[in-house]
């Protein structure tokens, strides 16, 4: 089960897999915003590591 404590100990790769496994339902604006935020954060992390 994923919870805030578990997430603290996850590797970057595990977090990336978890975030990419989420998919917002159409019409759920909060879920769509979270998905967009997560994808943007991953893109920024990728850019920072280059």
Protein backbone atom coordinates (compact mmCIF):
# COMPACT_ATOMS: atom_id res chain seq x y z
CA UNK A 1 0.00 0.00 0.00
CA UNK A 2 1.28 3.46 -0.89
CA UNK A 3 1.21 6.07 1.87
CA UNK A 4 3.25 9.21 2.67
CA UNK A 5 5.74 7.29 4.81
CA UNK A 6 6.34 4.68 2.09
CA UNK A 7 6.87 7.39 -0.52
CA UNK A 8 9.67 8.96 1.55
CA UNK A 9 11.74 5.82 1.05
CA UNK A 10 11.02 5.24 -2.63
CA UNK A 11 13.73 5.67 -5.24
CA UNK A 12 13.35 8.16 -8.05
CA UNK A 13 12.66 5.34 -10.50
CA UNK A 14 9.92 3.92 -8.27
CA UNK A 15 8.32 7.35 -7.96
CA UNK A 16 8.47 7.87 -11.72
CA UNK A 17 6.80 4.49 -12.36
CA UNK A 18 4.12 5.30 -9.80
CA UNK A 19 3.40 8.73 -11.26
CA UNK A 20 3.24 7.38 -14.81
CA UNK A 21 0.78 4.72 -13.66
CA UNK A 22 -1.76 7.38 -12.71
CA UNK A 23 -4.22 8.49 -15.34
CA UNK A 24 -6.84 11.14 -14.70
CA UNK A 25 -10.44 10.50 -15.62
CA UNK A 26 -11.78 12.95 -18.18
CA UNK A 27 -13.82 15.64 -16.48
CA UNK A 28 -12.10 15.28 -13.11
CA UNK A 29 -10.29 18.63 -13.06
CA UNK A 30 -8.38 17.96 -9.82
CA UNK A 31 -7.08 14.63 -11.13
CA UNK A 32 -6.18 16.19 -14.47
CA UNK A 33 -4.30 19.00 -12.69
CA UNK A 34 -2.43 16.47 -10.53
CA UNK A 35 -1.46 14.42 -13.58
CA UNK A 36 -0.22 17.54 -15.38
CA UNK A 37 1.72 18.63 -12.30
CA UNK A 38 3.33 15.23 -11.87
CA UNK A 39 4.37 15.07 -15.53
CA UNK A 40 5.79 18.61 -15.36
CA UNK A 41 7.79 17.76 -12.24
CA UNK A 42 9.21 14.68 -13.95
CA UNK A 43 10.17 16.77 -16.98
CA UNK A 44 11.92 19.30 -14.75
CA UNK A 45 13.77 16.53 -12.93
CA UNK A 46 14.93 15.08 -16.24
CA UNK A 47 16.13 18.50 -17.41
CA UNK A 48 17.98 19.11 -14.12
CA UNK A 49 19.79 15.78 -14.34
CA UNK A 50 21.12 16.45 -17.88
